[in-house]
Amino acid sequence: EPARNKVTVVGVGQVGMACAVSILLRELADELALVDVMEDKLKGEMMDLQHGSLFLKTPKIVASKDYSVTANSRIVVVTAGVRQQEGESRLNLVQRNVN
């Protein structure tokens, strides 16, 4: 049976993980999917969330580099992007992310 309230977070950096933890603590999803290109970090963050959420109501936390893990998500939160350089304008940062 597919999840009814599946949420995906793309990017497991500081912002992505803050979003993921907030989603879990507020019990906003019955499945949480994480996507990132850095497999080792992705696996570690997934395991941390799985171990820390044993007493929460989100029974399933999955992670993958493959975007197929996002199938049937009601919400996708994209937090992935390049870091802002010191002194860089927000407009330039947006342009680098678009490129």
C-alpha atoms as a PDB file:
ATOM      1  CA  GLU A   1       0.000   0.000   0.000  1.00  0.00           C
ATOM      2  CA  PRO A   2       1.521   3.348  -1.020  1.00  0.00           C
ATOM      3  CA  ALA A   3       2.043   6.031   1.589  1.00  0.00           C
ATOM      4  CA  ARG A   4      -0.822   8.503   1.912  1.00  0.00           C
ATOM      5  CA  ASN A   5       1.304  11.428   3.082  1.00  0.00           C
ATOM      6  CA  LYS A   6       4.749  10.885   1.618  1.00  0.00           C
ATOM      7  CA  VAL A   7       7.185  13.792   1.741  1.00  0.00           C
ATOM      8  CA  THR A   8      10.531  13.974  -0.070  1.00  0.00           C
ATOM      9  CA  VAL A   9      13.481  16.152   0.892  1.00  0.00           C
ATOM     10  CA  VAL A  10      16.068  16.671  -1.858  1.00  0.00           C
ATOM     11  CA  GLY A  11      19.434  17.565  -0.356  1.00  0.00           C
ATOM     12  CA  VAL A  12      20.700  16.309   3.005  1.00  0.00           C
ATOM     13  CA  GLY A  13      22.786  19.321   3.980  1.00  0.00           C
ATOM     14  CA  GLN A  14      21.989  21.426   7.026  1.00  0.00           C
ATOM     15  CA  VAL A  15      18.786  22.898   5.599  1.00  0.00           C
ATOM     16  CA  GLY A  16      17.541  19.579   4.223  1.00  0.00           C
ATOM     17  CA  MET A  17      18.120  17.754   7.479  1.00  0.00           C
ATOM     18  CA  ALA A  18      16.477  20.543   9.483  1.00  0.00           C
ATOM     19  CA  CYS A  19      13.438  20.133   7.216  1.00  0.00           C
ATOM     20  CA  ALA A  20      13.500  16.345   7.587  1.00  0.00           C
ATOM     21  CA  VAL A  21      13.677  16.499  11.386  1.00  0.00           C
ATOM     22  CA  SER A  22      10.856  19.066  11.502  1.00  0.00           C
ATOM     23  CA  ILE A  23       8.684  16.869   9.273  1.00  0.00           C
ATOM     24  CA  LEU A  24       9.287  13.895  11.564  1.00  0.00           C
ATOM     25  CA  LEU A  25       8.718  15.781  14.815  1.00  0.00           C
ATOM     26  CA  ARG A  26       5.490  17.339  13.567  1.00  0.00           C
ATOM     27  CA  GLU A  27       4.332  13.949  12.224  1.00  0.00           C
ATOM     28  CA  LEU A  28       3.540  15.463   8.811  1.00  0.00           C
ATOM     29  CA  ALA A  29       4.290  12.292   6.830  1.00  0.00           C
ATOM     30  CA  ASP A  30       3.777   8.554   7.023  1.00  0.00           C
ATOM     31  CA  GLU A  31       6.824   8.126   4.754  1.00  0.00           C
ATOM     32  CA  LEU A  32       9.881  10.339   4.393  1.00  0.00           C
ATOM     33  CA  ALA A  33      12.166  10.011   1.363  1.00  0.00           C
ATOM     34  CA  LEU A  34      15.608  11.601   1.146  1.00  0.00           C
ATOM     35  CA  VAL A  35      17.507  12.208  -2.108  1.00  0.00           C
ATOM     36  CA  ASP A  36      21.093  13.386  -2.540  1.00  0.00           C
ATOM     37  CA  VAL A  37      24.063  12.715  -4.811  1.00  0.00           C
ATOM     38  CA  MET A  38      26.457  12.059  -1.908  1.00  0.00           C
ATOM     39  CA  GLU A  39      25.656   8.425  -1.113  1.00  0.00           C
ATOM     40  CA  ASP A  40      27.709   8.038   2.078  1.00  0.00           C
ATOM     41  CA  LYS A  41      26.270  11.178   3.689  1.00  0.00           C
ATOM     42  CA  LEU A  42      22.791  10.219   2.498  1.00  0.00           C
ATOM     43  CA  LYS A  43      23.013   6.750   4.044  1.00  0.00           C
ATOM     44  CA  GLY A  44      24.388   8.127   7.316  1.00  0.00           C
ATOM     45  CA  GLU A  45      21.681  10.769   7.623  1.00  0.00           C
ATOM     46  CA  MET A  46      18.976   8.207   6.826  1.00  0.00           C
ATOM     47  CA  MET A  47      20.298   5.844   9.502  1.00  0.00           C
ATOM     48  CA  ASP A  48      20.456   8.673  12.064  1.00  0.00           C
ATOM     49  CA  LEU A  49      16.821   9.565  11.352  1.00  0.00           C
ATOM     50  CA  GLN A  50      15.735   5.916  11.458  1.00  0.00           C
ATOM     51  CA  HIS A  51      17.430   5.318  14.800  1.00  0.00           C
ATOM     52  CA  GLY A  52      16.165   8.579  16.260  1.00  0.00           C
ATOM     53  CA  SER A  53      12.580   8.135  15.105  1.00  0.00           C
ATOM     54  CA  LEU A  54      11.819   4.771  16.692  1.00  0.00           C
ATOM     55  CA  PHE A  55       9.225   6.372  18.955  1.00  0.00           C
ATOM     56  CA  LEU A  56       7.641   8.624  16.338  1.00  0.00           C
ATOM     57  CA  LYS A  57       4.700   7.855  14.062  1.00  0.00           C
ATOM     58  CA  THR A  58       6.638   7.959  10.769  1.00  0.00           C
ATOM     59  CA  PRO A  59       7.143   4.252  10.144  1.00  0.00           C
ATOM     60  CA  LYS A  60       9.187   4.496   6.950  1.00  0.00           C
ATOM     61  CA  ILE A  61      12.282   6.534   6.103  1.00  0.00           C
ATOM     62  CA  VAL A  62      14.027   5.775   2.802  1.00  0.00           C
ATOM     63  CA  ALA A  63      16.942   7.319   0.911  1.00  0.00           C
ATOM     64  CA  SER A  64      18.486   7.034  -2.536  1.00  0.00           C
ATOM     65  CA  LYS A  65      20.434   8.819  -5.258  1.00  0.00           C
ATOM     66  CA  ASP A  66      17.698   7.601  -7.599  1.00  0.00           C
ATOM     67  CA  TYR A  67      14.741   9.959  -7.878  1.00  0.00           C
ATOM     68  CA  SER A  68      12.366   6.991  -8.259  1.00  0.00           C
ATOM     69  CA  VAL A  69      12.285   6.940  -4.440  1.00  0.00           C
ATOM     70  CA  THR A  70      10.209  10.134  -4.661  1.00  0.00           C
ATOM     71  CA  ALA A  71       7.305   8.401  -6.448  1.00  0.00           C
ATOM     72  CA  ASN A  72       3.879   9.203  -4.971  1.00  0.00           C
ATOM     73  CA  SER A  73       5.205  12.081  -2.849  1.00  0.00           C
ATOM     74  CA  ARG A  74       2.593  14.680  -2.001  1.00  0.00           C
ATOM     75  CA  ILE A  75       5.272  17.279  -1.269  1.00  0.00           C
ATOM     76  CA  VAL A  76       8.874  17.593  -2.494  1.00  0.00           C
ATOM     77  CA  VAL A  77      11.144  20.033  -0.665  1.00  0.00           C
ATOM     78  CA  VAL A  78      14.237  20.948  -2.699  1.00  0.00           C
ATOM     79  CA  THR A  79      17.099  22.202  -0.526  1.00  0.00           C
ATOM     80  CA  ALA A  80      19.994  21.185  -2.774  1.00  0.00           C
ATOM     81  CA  GLY A  81      22.148  23.885  -4.286  1.00  0.00           C
ATOM     82  CA  VAL A  82      25.594  25.426  -4.385  1.00  0.00           C
ATOM     83  CA  ARG A  83      26.911  27.285  -1.352  1.00  0.00           C
ATOM     84  CA  GLN A  84      26.918  31.057  -1.269  1.00  0.00           C
ATOM     85  CA  GLN A  85      30.437  32.463  -1.539  1.00  0.00           C
ATOM     86  CA  GLU A  86      31.594  35.153   0.874  1.00  0.00           C
ATOM     87  CA  GLY A  87      30.356  38.528  -0.345  1.00  0.00           C
ATOM     88  CA  GLU A  88      28.267  36.985  -3.130  1.00  0.00           C
ATOM     89  CA  SER A  89      24.878  38.537  -3.832  1.00  0.00           C
ATOM     90  CA  ARG A  90      21.745  36.393  -3.541  1.00  0.00           C
ATOM     91  CA  LEU A  91      20.991  37.156  -7.185  1.00  0.00           C
ATOM     92  CA  ASN A  92      24.361  35.770  -8.294  1.00  0.00           C
ATOM     93  CA  LEU A  93      23.847  32.682  -6.112  1.00  0.00           C
ATOM     94  CA  VAL A  94      20.479  32.026  -7.736  1.00  0.00           C
ATOM     95  CA  GLN A  95      22.060  32.389 -11.186  1.00  0.00           C
ATOM     96  CA  ARG A  96      24.819  29.878 -10.323  1.00  0.00           C
ATOM     97  CA  ASN A  97      22.192  27.409  -9.106  1.00  0.00           C
ATOM     98  CA  VAL A  98      20.203  27.825 -12.322  1.00  0.00           C
ATOM     99  CA  ASN A  99      23.301  27.259 -14.455  1.00  0.00           C
END
